[in-house]
Amino acid sequence: MKKILLTAINSSWSQSNPAIYYLREMIADLPYAVILQEWTLKDRLWNVLSEIYCHKAEVICFSAYIWNRLYLQELIPEVIKLLPEAVIVIGGPEAESLSFLKRKGLYIVQSAGEGKFRFLAEHDFSANDEDLSRAKHIPLKDIPFPYRESDGEILKGKLLYYETFRGCPFACIYCLSANDKRSELRYQPNNQKDMQ
């Protein structure tokens, strides 16, 4: 069974990264051994690299955000040197800024991330960019709940994030969210069934 390592470099120890939990649930029905691993920006790069190496995963996924982009710019090239056969998947709002790392077996998954990740997993992480561009967007309401009861110990004492809406109804010129044209609601607040 192929091993997938879903990683997160958070800005603080109190943060959790919902993206890796979403991705795990998106492929829960597929034959992969999924490992979740979170660190913070304060963790030494070489310690993080060592832990990634010890997992010896065939697929290693990174969530790129504005707060961890520079850290990932240092980390990912070292991961590639240590595990050259590993498939690397970079997702998140800052994924495109890491496209300079592009090589065979490295995927940048930015828009429609969950759908593209599912598509890659269904194709054993060997799809080409053209195939990947045909991956379908999965609406927020159809994305499974990210957390499991067994996550309780890992998430204890951390901030838990639950996405109820994607996109922004405003178009403030100073905000990056203004570029996101989506407007997706996970549930209808007036529908009692959705609130349970």
Protein backbone atom coordinates (compact mmCIF):
# COMPACT_ATOMS: atom_id res chain seq x y z
CA MET A 1 0.00 0.00 0.00
CA LYS A 2 1.41 3.38 -1.05
CA LYS A 3 2.14 5.78 1.82
CA ILE A 4 1.05 9.43 1.62
CA LEU A 5 2.44 12.02 4.03
CA LEU A 6 0.22 15.10 4.39
CA THR A 7 2.30 17.85 5.99
CA ALA A 8 1.60 21.27 7.46
CA ILE A 9 3.98 23.97 8.63
CA ASN A 10 1.83 26.11 10.91
CA SER A 11 2.66 29.59 12.18
CA SER A 12 2.16 28.62 15.82
CA TRP A 13 1.80 25.54 18.04
CA SER A 14 -1.86 26.42 18.65
CA GLN A 15 -2.77 26.22 14.96
CA SER A 16 -4.09 23.19 13.17
CA ASN A 17 -4.28 22.88 9.41
CA PRO A 18 -7.71 21.80 8.16
CA ALA A 19 -6.39 21.22 4.62
CA ILE A 20 -4.51 18.04 5.51
CA TYR A 21 -7.58 16.68 7.30
CA TYR A 22 -9.80 17.51 4.31
CA LEU A 23 -7.39 15.78 1.93
CA ARG A 24 -7.24 12.69 4.11
CA GLU A 25 -11.04 12.42 4.02
CA MET A 26 -11.15 13.06 0.26
CA ILE A 27 -9.25 9.81 -0.34
CA ALA A 28 -10.42 7.76 2.66
CA ASP A 29 -12.01 5.18 0.35
CA LEU A 30 -8.82 4.67 -1.70
CA PRO A 31 -6.07 2.14 -0.85
CA TYR A 32 -3.48 4.48 0.67
CA ALA A 33 -1.82 4.63 4.08
CA VAL A 34 -2.21 8.29 5.04
CA ILE A 35 -0.03 9.97 7.67
CA LEU A 36 -0.70 13.48 8.99
CA GLN A 37 2.21 15.50 10.32
CA GLU A 38 2.20 19.11 11.55
CA TRP A 39 5.08 21.34 12.59
CA THR A 40 5.51 25.05 13.23
CA LEU A 41 7.80 27.68 11.77
CA LYS A 42 9.85 27.46 14.97
CA ASP A 43 10.78 23.84 14.29
CA ARG A 44 14.29 23.50 12.93
CA LEU A 45 14.33 22.73 9.23
CA TRP A 46 16.70 19.79 9.66
CA ASN A 47 14.48 18.22 12.32
CA VAL A 48 11.44 18.50 10.05
CA LEU A 49 13.46 17.11 7.15
CA SER A 50 14.60 14.19 9.29
CA GLU A 51 11.03 13.35 10.32
CA ILE A 52 9.82 13.53 6.71
CA TYR A 53 12.67 11.24 5.66
CA CYS A 54 11.88 8.71 8.40
CA HIS A 55 8.35 8.24 7.05
CA LYS A 56 9.76 7.21 3.64
CA ALA A 57 6.45 8.10 2.01
CA GLU A 58 6.00 7.64 -1.73
CA VAL A 59 3.86 10.81 -1.88
CA ILE A 60 4.61 13.91 0.21
CA CYS A 61 2.12 16.79 0.26
CA PHE A 62 2.73 20.35 1.44
CA SER A 63 0.21 23.13 2.19
CA ALA A 64 1.65 26.49 1.10
CA TYR A 65 0.49 29.70 2.76
CA ILE A 66 1.87 33.20 3.07
CA TRP A 67 3.34 32.40 6.51
CA ASN A 68 5.22 29.23 5.48
CA ARG A 69 6.17 29.91 1.86
CA LEU A 70 9.79 30.87 2.62
CA TYR A 71 10.19 27.87 4.93
CA LEU A 72 8.90 25.57 2.18
CA GLN A 73 11.26 27.20 -0.36
CA GLU A 74 14.11 25.85 1.77
CA LEU A 75 12.51 22.57 2.86
CA ILE A 76 11.13 21.12 -0.37
CA PRO A 77 14.41 21.18 -2.37
CA GLU A 78 16.05 19.28 0.50
CA VAL A 79 13.21 16.74 0.55
CA ILE A 80 13.69 16.26 -3.20
CA LYS A 81 17.41 15.60 -2.68
CA LEU A 82 16.78 13.09 0.11
CA LEU A 83 13.79 11.35 -1.47
CA PRO A 84 14.20 11.85 -5.24
CA GLU A 85 11.68 9.12 -6.11
CA ALA A 86 8.91 10.65 -3.98
CA VAL A 87 6.01 12.40 -5.69
CA ILE A 88 5.64 15.93 -4.31
CA VAL A 89 2.26 17.68 -4.23
CA ILE A 90 2.09 21.36 -3.27
CA GLY A 91 -1.31 22.91 -2.62
CA GLY A 92 -2.76 25.97 -0.95
CA PRO A 93 -3.04 29.66 -1.80
CA GLU A 94 0.73 30.12 -2.18
CA ALA A 95 1.39 26.92 -4.15
CA GLU A 96 2.04 28.79 -7.39
CA SER A 97 4.89 30.74 -5.77
CA LEU A 98 6.74 27.42 -5.45
CA SER A 99 6.34 26.49 -9.13
CA PHE A 100 10.07 27.19 -9.67
CA LEU A 101 10.58 23.75 -8.09
CA LYS A 102 8.65 22.10 -10.95
CA ARG A 103 10.03 18.77 -12.08
CA LYS A 104 8.61 15.41 -13.11
CA GLY A 105 6.65 14.02 -10.19
CA LEU A 106 5.93 17.42 -8.65
CA TYR A 107 2.38 18.74 -8.82
CA ILE A 108 1.14 22.24 -8.07
CA VAL A 109 -2.49 21.95 -6.98
CA GLN A 110 -4.00 25.38 -6.47
CA SER A 111 -7.55 25.97 -7.65
CA ALA A 112 -10.06 23.15 -7.10
CA GLY A 113 -7.49 21.64 -4.76
CA GLU A 114 -9.55 18.85 -3.23
CA GLY A 115 -10.82 17.76 -6.64
CA LYS A 116 -7.33 17.76 -8.14
CA PHE A 117 -5.90 15.88 -5.17
CA ARG A 118 -8.64 13.25 -5.45
CA PHE A 119 -7.96 13.02 -9.20
CA LEU A 120 -4.23 12.51 -8.59
CA ALA A 121 -4.93 9.82 -6.00
CA GLU A 122 -7.34 8.01 -8.33
CA HIS A 123 -4.58 8.00 -10.97
CA ASP A 124 -1.90 6.76 -8.54
CA PHE A 125 -0.18 10.18 -8.58
CA SER A 126 0.99 9.76 -12.16
CA ALA A 127 -1.31 12.13 -14.08
CA ASN A 128 0.16 14.77 -16.36
CA ASP A 129 -0.67 18.48 -16.09
CA GLU A 130 -3.12 18.32 -18.98
CA ASP A 131 -5.05 15.49 -17.33
CA LEU A 132 -4.94 17.31 -14.01
CA SER A 133 -6.49 20.41 -15.57
CA ARG A 134 -9.60 18.30 -16.27
CA ALA A 135 -10.11 17.47 -12.59
CA LYS A 136 -13.55 18.53 -11.46
CA HIS A 137 -14.17 21.14 -8.80
CA ILE A 138 -15.83 19.67 -5.71
CA PRO A 139 -18.28 22.07 -4.04
CA LEU A 140 -17.60 22.83 -0.39
CA LYS A 141 -20.91 21.24 0.65
CA ASP A 142 -19.77 17.92 -0.87
CA ILE A 143 -16.39 17.81 0.86
CA PRO A 144 -16.49 15.41 3.81
CA PHE A 145 -16.22 16.63 7.40
CA PRO A 146 -12.46 16.80 7.99
CA TYR A 147 -12.10 15.52 11.53
CA ARG A 148 -12.41 12.07 13.04
CA GLU A 149 -13.04 11.20 16.64
CA SER A 150 -9.58 9.62 16.69
CA ASP A 151 -8.05 13.06 15.92
CA GLY A 152 -9.02 14.31 19.38
CA GLU A 153 -5.66 13.63 20.99
CA ILE A 154 -3.67 15.20 18.13
CA LEU A 155 -5.85 18.32 18.10
CA LYS A 156 -6.13 18.71 21.87
CA GLY A 157 -5.27 22.28 22.87
CA LYS A 158 -5.17 23.51 19.27
CA LEU A 159 -7.49 25.86 17.45
CA LEU A 160 -9.89 23.85 15.32
CA TYR A 161 -10.99 25.33 12.03
CA TYR A 162 -14.27 24.51 10.35
CA GLU A 163 -14.94 26.02 6.96
CA THR A 164 -18.51 27.19 6.55
CA PHE A 165 -17.98 29.47 3.55
CA ARG A 166 -15.48 29.88 0.72
CA GLY A 167 -15.00 33.05 -1.22
CA CYS A 168 -15.76 36.58 -0.16
CA PRO A 169 -18.81 38.71 -0.95
CA PHE A 170 -16.67 41.87 -0.90
CA ALA A 171 -13.97 43.06 -3.28
CA CYS A 172 -11.60 45.06 -1.10
CA ILE A 173 -8.65 46.15 -3.24
CA TYR A 174 -6.09 45.43 -0.50
CA CYS A 175 -7.21 41.85 0.16
CA LEU A 176 -6.08 38.72 -1.69
CA SER A 177 -9.49 37.13 -1.05
CA ALA A 178 -10.97 39.65 -3.48
CA ASN A 179 -9.46 37.55 -6.28
CA ASP A 180 -11.42 34.50 -5.15
CA LYS A 181 -14.66 34.61 -7.13
CA ARG A 182 -16.19 31.59 -5.39
CA SER A 183 -19.18 31.96 -3.14
CA GLU A 184 -19.81 28.57 -1.61
CA LEU A 185 -21.79 27.85 1.51
CA ARG A 186 -21.34 24.55 3.36
CA TYR A 187 -24.76 24.65 4.99
CA GLN A 188 -27.89 26.76 5.05
CA PRO A 189 -28.19 28.48 8.46
CA ASN A 190 -32.00 28.43 8.30
CA ASN A 191 -32.16 24.70 7.62
CA GLN A 192 -32.23 22.84 10.96
CA LYS A 193 -30.99 19.62 9.31
CA ASP A 194 -27.79 21.37 8.17
CA MET A 195 -27.12 22.67 11.67
CA GLN A 196 -26.97 19.23 13.34
